[in-house]
Amino acid sequence: MGKRPCRRRATRLTAGALLALQISFIALAADGNAATDTANSPVAVTVVDPPVAAGPPAPRAVGGMYDVGVLETAKRYTRDLYRQATALREATAAHGARIWAETASETRGQEGLSPAQAQEGLTRQEELSGTQAQRELSEAQTQTQTQTQTQTQTQTQTQRELSEAREGAERRLPLVRLGHVQAAQRLKRAGLSWKSSGGCTNRKVGQCTSLEAVRTATVDRVIDLKHRSGCPVVITGGTEVGHAPGPYSHHEGYKLDIRPNRCISGYIKREYSYQRVRGDGAPLYGDSETVYARESNHWDILFR
C-alpha cells in the first residue's frame, strides 16, 4: 500500500514527459517546414515543462529507482531533440546555399552567359588586352623609328647645307689669297710638290714658278684632285707673269699648271667629259667648275 502512490506518481510524470516531447516534435516539424521556405532562418527549440496534476500537494517523494528513471529518460530525449535540431539547422543552411547557387545560375542564364561562356569571355578579354599592349608597343616602336629617321634626315640636310655654304663662301670670296710660302707649305703637307724651270719663285719673272697671291680655293682644289686621283701631282706654273691675261687667269690666282703623267692624264680623261678644242688647239675636258686644257707639255687647269 505504501508504494502505490509513488508508482502512480512516477507513471504520471512519465506520461507528462512523453506528452511534452511529442508537443516539441510537432513544433519542430512546423518550424522545419517554415525554414524550408525561408533560407538561413534559425530553428527554435521549445521544451515544454510537463503539466502538474491538480490536487492536493503530493507528499514529499522519497528518492528511489522510479524518480531516477524518469529524469534519465527526460535527459536522453532532450539530447536527441538537440541533435535533431542541429541536423535540421545544417540541412536548412545547405538548402539555402543550393537555392543561392540556382539563383545565380538563373541570373547568368538570363544574361545569356553560361559558366563556360563567362570563362571564354574572360579569356577573350585577356587576349584582347595582350593584343592592345602589343599594338601600343608596335606604335611606339614605329614612332621611335620615324623620329630617328627624321633626325637622320635633318642631320644629313644640315651637313649638306653646311657643305654648300662652305663651297658658296669659297666661290663668293675669290680674293682670299695666300703667300708663296703658305701655299707651298699646304701643298707639301698634302703630298704635292712644285718645280720651277728657273729655280726661282719671283712672280715677276716668267721662268720662275710662283704661288704668290694664289687663291685659297685654288690650292684646296688641286689638293683634292691629288686625293681623288691618287696620282702624283707636280705644279709647274702659278701666278707668275708670262701667261694669258683675263679675269680667270694665272695672274688672278684661278689657274695652275701641272706636269702630265700617265696616271693623272688617264684620270682626267676618264672622269671628265671631252668638251671641245680651244683656240690654241688644246683639247678641253671638264665640267662647269673645272676645265682641263691639255697643252704640249702640261695640263692647264682652271678652278672657277
Protein backbone atom coordinates (compact mmCIF):
# COMPACT_ATOMS: atom_id res chain seq x y z
CA MET A 1 0.00 0.00 0.00
CA GLY A 2 2.77 2.38 0.82
CA LYS A 3 4.41 2.09 -2.62
CA ARG A 4 1.31 2.59 -4.86
CA PRO A 5 1.16 6.36 -4.55
CA CYS A 6 4.84 6.58 -5.61
CA ARG A 7 4.20 4.25 -8.53
CA ARG A 8 1.23 6.27 -9.68
CA ARG A 9 3.21 9.47 -9.35
CA ALA A 10 6.07 8.06 -11.49
CA THR A 11 3.59 6.97 -14.13
CA ARG A 12 2.07 10.44 -14.27
CA LEU A 13 5.50 12.02 -14.59
CA THR A 14 6.47 9.67 -17.41
CA ALA A 15 3.24 10.36 -19.30
CA GLY A 16 3.75 14.09 -18.86
CA ALA A 17 7.33 13.92 -20.18
CA LEU A 18 6.26 11.93 -23.24
CA LEU A 19 3.47 14.40 -23.93
CA ALA A 20 5.93 17.30 -23.69
CA LEU A 21 8.31 15.58 -26.11
CA GLN A 22 5.50 14.92 -28.59
CA ILE A 23 4.46 18.57 -28.47
CA SER A 24 8.10 19.60 -29.04
CA PHE A 25 8.41 17.30 -32.07
CA ILE A 26 5.27 18.82 -33.56
CA ALA A 27 6.65 22.33 -33.01
CA LEU A 28 9.97 21.35 -34.58
CA ALA A 29 8.25 19.87 -37.60
CA ALA A 30 6.30 23.09 -38.09
CA ASP A 31 9.47 25.17 -37.75
CA GLY A 32 11.30 22.89 -40.22
CA ASN A 33 8.60 23.42 -42.87
CA ALA A 34 8.81 27.17 -42.37
CA ALA A 35 12.62 27.09 -42.58
CA THR A 36 12.43 25.23 -45.88
CA ASP A 37 10.69 28.22 -47.42
CA THR A 38 12.97 30.83 -45.85
CA ALA A 39 16.75 30.18 -46.12
CA ASN A 40 19.00 30.55 -43.14
CA SER A 41 16.12 31.10 -40.66
CA PRO A 42 17.05 29.94 -37.13
CA VAL A 43 15.34 26.92 -35.65
CA ALA A 44 13.78 27.47 -32.28
CA VAL A 45 13.68 24.59 -29.87
CA THR A 46 10.97 24.73 -27.19
CA VAL A 47 10.91 22.42 -24.25
CA VAL A 48 7.56 22.31 -22.56
CA ASP A 49 7.54 21.53 -18.93
CA PRO A 50 5.27 18.62 -18.03
CA PRO A 51 1.94 19.71 -16.56
CA VAL A 52 1.42 19.42 -12.91
CA ALA A 53 -1.65 17.43 -11.96
CA ALA A 54 -4.23 19.30 -9.88
CA GLY A 55 -4.91 18.04 -6.45
CA PRO A 56 -3.63 18.14 -3.01
CA PRO A 57 0.05 18.70 -2.64
CA ALA A 58 1.84 15.46 -3.06
CA PRO A 59 3.73 14.15 -0.19
CA ARG A 60 7.47 14.62 -0.32
CA ALA A 61 8.83 11.98 -2.59
CA VAL A 62 11.27 9.60 -1.33
CA GLY A 63 14.23 9.17 -3.72
CA GLY A 64 14.04 5.84 -5.42
CA MET A 65 14.53 3.98 -8.67
CA TYR A 66 11.37 5.46 -10.29
CA ASP A 67 12.42 9.10 -9.89
CA VAL A 68 15.88 8.40 -11.27
CA GLY A 69 14.48 6.58 -14.31
CA VAL A 70 12.15 9.45 -15.23
CA LEU A 71 14.99 12.00 -15.07
CA GLU A 72 17.31 9.88 -17.20
CA THR A 73 14.55 9.39 -19.78
CA ALA A 74 13.94 13.15 -19.97
CA LYS A 75 17.66 13.86 -20.39
CA ARG A 76 18.01 11.29 -23.15
CA TYR A 77 15.05 12.67 -25.11
CA THR A 78 16.36 16.20 -24.64
CA ARG A 79 19.75 15.23 -26.11
CA ASP A 80 18.04 13.52 -29.05
CA LEU A 81 15.93 16.61 -29.57
CA TYR A 82 19.05 18.84 -29.63
CA ARG A 83 20.73 16.57 -32.20
CA GLN A 84 17.66 16.68 -34.41
CA ALA A 85 17.53 20.48 -34.16
CA THR A 86 21.23 20.74 -35.12
CA ALA A 87 20.76 18.44 -38.12
CA LEU A 88 17.70 20.45 -39.18
CA ARG A 89 19.70 23.70 -38.96
CA GLU A 90 22.51 22.25 -41.10
CA ALA A 91 20.04 20.94 -43.67
CA THR A 92 18.40 24.35 -43.81
CA ALA A 93 21.76 26.06 -44.41
CA ALA A 94 22.63 23.60 -47.20
CA HIS A 95 19.21 24.16 -48.76
CA GLY A 96 19.75 27.94 -48.68
CA ALA A 97 23.17 27.61 -50.33
CA ARG A 98 21.67 25.44 -53.06
CA ILE A 99 18.92 27.98 -53.66
CA TRP A 100 21.52 30.79 -53.90
CA ALA A 101 23.58 28.81 -56.44
CA GLU A 102 20.48 28.10 -58.52
CA THR A 103 19.50 31.77 -58.41
CA ALA A 104 22.97 32.84 -59.55
CA SER A 105 22.88 30.28 -62.36
CA GLU A 106 19.47 31.57 -63.46
CA THR A 107 20.80 35.14 -63.44
CA ARG A 108 23.71 34.15 -65.70
CA GLY A 109 21.25 32.32 -67.92
CA GLN A 110 19.09 35.45 -68.17
CA GLU A 111 22.17 37.45 -69.14
CA GLY A 112 22.89 34.92 -71.89
CA LEU A 113 26.14 33.61 -70.40
CA SER A 114 26.80 30.11 -69.22
CA PRO A 115 29.78 29.47 -66.91
CA ALA A 116 31.78 28.20 -69.91
CA GLN A 117 30.81 31.28 -71.90
CA ALA A 118 31.74 33.53 -69.00
CA GLN A 119 35.18 31.88 -68.78
CA GLU A 120 35.57 32.14 -72.54
CA GLY A 121 34.70 35.84 -72.36
CA LEU A 122 37.30 36.38 -69.66
CA THR A 123 39.93 34.59 -71.73
CA ARG A 124 38.98 36.66 -74.77
CA GLN A 125 39.24 39.85 -72.74
CA GLU A 126 42.74 38.87 -71.59
CA GLU A 127 43.73 38.14 -75.19
CA LEU A 128 42.38 41.49 -76.31
CA SER A 129 44.32 43.20 -73.53
CA GLY A 130 47.51 41.47 -74.71
CA THR A 131 46.80 42.44 -78.33
CA GLN A 132 46.20 46.04 -77.30
CA ALA A 133 49.51 46.10 -75.43
CA GLN A 134 51.35 44.67 -78.46
CA ARG A 135 49.71 47.21 -80.75
CA GLU A 136 50.69 50.09 -78.46
CA LEU A 137 54.27 48.75 -78.30
CA SER A 138 54.39 48.47 -82.10
CA GLU A 139 53.08 52.02 -82.47
CA ALA A 140 55.69 53.29 -80.01
CA GLN A 141 58.48 51.49 -81.93
CA THR A 142 57.19 52.90 -85.23
CA GLN A 143 57.09 56.39 -83.75
CA THR A 144 60.64 55.98 -82.44
CA GLN A 145 61.87 54.80 -85.85
CA THR A 146 60.13 57.72 -87.52
CA GLN A 147 61.75 60.15 -85.11
CA THR A 148 65.14 58.53 -85.71
CA GLN A 149 64.71 58.77 -89.49
CA THR A 150 63.64 62.39 -89.15
CA GLN A 151 66.68 63.17 -87.03
CA THR A 152 68.95 61.41 -89.55
CA GLN A 153 67.41 63.32 -92.43
CA THR A 154 67.75 66.56 -90.51
CA GLN A 155 71.42 65.87 -89.78
CA THR A 156 72.06 64.97 -93.43
CA GLN A 157 70.30 68.12 -94.56
CA THR A 158 72.29 70.18 -92.09
CA GLN A 159 75.58 68.67 -93.26
CA ARG A 160 74.65 69.25 -96.89
CA GLU A 161 73.68 72.85 -96.17
CA LEU A 162 76.97 73.41 -94.33
CA SER A 163 78.92 71.94 -97.23
CA GLU A 164 77.04 74.07 -99.74
CA ALA A 165 77.52 77.12 -97.57
CA ARG A 166 81.25 76.44 -97.35
CA GLU A 167 81.54 75.96 -101.09
CA GLY A 168 79.47 79.04 -101.69
CA ALA A 169 81.65 81.04 -99.35
CA GLU A 170 84.73 79.90 -101.24
CA ARG A 171 83.14 80.97 -104.51
CA ARG A 172 81.98 84.29 -103.08
CA LEU A 173 85.37 85.08 -101.60
CA PRO A 174 87.75 84.70 -104.54
CA LEU A 175 90.09 87.31 -103.16
CA VAL A 176 91.19 85.21 -100.18
CA ARG A 177 94.85 84.85 -101.08
CA LEU A 178 97.92 83.02 -99.81
CA GLY A 179 101.56 83.95 -99.91
CA HIS A 180 104.00 81.69 -101.72
CA VAL A 181 105.40 80.18 -98.52
CA GLN A 182 101.93 79.46 -97.08
CA ALA A 183 100.74 77.86 -100.31
CA ALA A 184 103.92 75.78 -100.67
CA GLN A 185 103.57 74.50 -97.09
CA ARG A 186 99.95 73.47 -97.69
CA LEU A 187 100.91 71.63 -100.86
CA LYS A 188 103.83 69.88 -99.20
CA ARG A 189 101.69 68.68 -96.26
CA ALA A 190 99.17 67.24 -98.75
CA GLY A 191 101.86 65.36 -100.71
CA LEU A 192 102.14 67.72 -103.68
CA SER A 193 105.31 69.48 -104.90
CA TRP A 194 106.18 72.36 -107.23
CA LYS A 195 109.01 72.83 -109.72
CA SER A 196 110.47 75.88 -111.44
CA SER A 197 112.45 75.77 -114.67
CA GLY A 198 114.39 78.83 -113.48
CA GLY A 199 114.74 77.58 -109.89
CA CYS A 200 113.04 80.70 -108.53
CA THR A 201 109.77 81.97 -107.02
CA ASN A 202 109.74 85.57 -108.22
CA ARG A 203 106.29 86.35 -109.53
CA LYS A 204 107.64 88.95 -111.94
CA VAL A 205 109.95 86.51 -113.73
CA GLY A 206 108.43 84.23 -116.36
CA GLN A 207 110.94 81.37 -115.81
CA CYS A 208 110.01 81.17 -112.13
CA THR A 209 107.12 79.26 -110.53
CA SER A 210 105.37 81.48 -108.02
CA LEU A 211 102.33 80.85 -105.81
CA GLU A 212 102.19 84.38 -104.52
CA ALA A 213 98.60 85.69 -104.20
CA VAL A 214 97.08 82.39 -105.31
CA ARG A 215 93.51 81.82 -104.18
CA THR A 216 92.99 79.56 -101.19
CA ALA A 217 90.23 77.71 -103.07
CA THR A 218 92.63 77.00 -105.96
CA VAL A 219 95.15 75.40 -103.62
CA ASP A 220 92.47 73.36 -101.85
CA ARG A 221 91.01 72.03 -105.09
CA VAL A 222 94.33 70.95 -106.57
CA ILE A 223 94.96 69.07 -103.31
CA ASP A 224 91.53 67.46 -103.71
CA LEU A 225 92.48 66.40 -107.26
CA LYS A 226 95.53 64.63 -105.88
CA HIS A 227 93.49 62.83 -103.22
CA ARG A 228 90.72 61.77 -105.62
CA SER A 229 93.04 60.53 -108.35
CA GLY A 230 95.71 59.02 -106.16
CA CYS A 231 98.26 60.22 -108.71
CA PRO A 232 101.42 62.25 -108.21
CA VAL A 233 100.80 65.95 -108.84
CA VAL A 234 103.65 68.39 -109.53
CA ILE A 235 102.87 72.08 -110.03
CA THR A 236 104.95 73.78 -112.77
CA GLY A 237 103.06 77.06 -113.21
CA GLY A 238 101.40 79.50 -110.83
CA THR A 239 100.77 83.20 -110.62
CA GLU A 240 103.98 84.35 -112.32
CA VAL A 241 103.97 86.52 -115.44
CA GLY A 242 104.02 85.09 -118.95
CA HIS A 243 100.52 83.54 -119.02
CA ALA A 244 97.46 84.72 -120.91
CA PRO A 245 95.62 87.53 -119.15
CA GLY A 246 91.97 87.61 -118.12
CA PRO A 247 89.65 87.60 -115.13
CA TYR A 248 90.13 83.84 -114.60
CA SER A 249 93.83 83.70 -115.37
CA HIS A 250 97.04 82.55 -113.72
CA HIS A 251 97.80 86.06 -112.54
CA GLU A 252 94.43 86.32 -110.80
CA GLY A 253 95.07 83.07 -108.90
CA TYR A 254 92.43 80.90 -110.68
CA LYS A 255 94.77 78.68 -112.75
CA LEU A 256 97.65 76.28 -112.15
CA ASP A 257 99.82 74.19 -114.49
CA ILE A 258 100.70 70.60 -113.53
CA ARG A 259 103.15 68.14 -115.07
CA PRO A 260 101.41 65.41 -117.13
CA ASN A 261 101.93 61.72 -116.41
CA ARG A 262 100.08 58.57 -117.41
CA CYS A 263 98.20 58.36 -114.13
CA ILE A 264 96.85 61.89 -113.92
CA SER A 265 96.17 62.16 -117.66
CA GLY A 266 94.20 58.93 -117.64
CA TYR A 267 92.21 60.06 -114.60
CA ILE A 268 91.24 63.41 -116.17
CA LYS A 269 90.17 61.86 -119.49
CA ARG A 270 88.25 59.10 -117.69
CA GLU A 271 86.45 61.23 -115.12
CA TYR A 272 85.72 64.38 -117.16
CA SER A 273 83.92 64.57 -120.45
CA TYR A 274 85.54 65.96 -123.57
CA GLN A 275 84.18 69.43 -124.41
CA ARG A 276 85.91 70.98 -127.40
CA VAL A 277 89.22 72.23 -128.78
CA ARG A 278 90.46 75.56 -127.50
CA GLY A 279 91.60 78.30 -129.88
CA ASP A 280 95.27 77.34 -129.48
CA GLY A 281 94.46 73.73 -130.41
CA ALA A 282 94.41 72.32 -126.83
CA PRO A 283 91.61 69.77 -126.20
CA LEU A 284 89.37 70.67 -123.26
CA TYR A 285 87.91 68.33 -120.59
CA GLY A 286 85.90 69.20 -117.53
CA ASP A 287 82.61 70.43 -116.14
CA SER A 288 81.05 73.71 -115.00
CA GLU A 289 83.52 74.09 -112.12
CA THR A 290 86.81 72.85 -113.53
CA VAL A 291 88.34 72.93 -117.04
CA TYR A 292 91.43 70.89 -118.03
CA ALA A 293 93.32 72.01 -121.17
CA ARG A 294 95.96 69.59 -122.48
CA GLU A 295 98.79 71.76 -123.77
CA SER A 296 102.02 70.44 -125.23
CA ASN A 297 104.00 69.92 -122.04
CA HIS A 298 101.50 70.43 -119.18
CA TRP A 299 97.85 70.43 -118.07
CA ASP A 300 96.47 73.98 -117.83
CA ILE A 301 93.73 73.81 -115.15
CA LEU A 302 91.09 76.44 -114.40
CA PHE A 303 89.43 76.26 -110.94
CA ARG A 304 86.39 78.54 -111.00
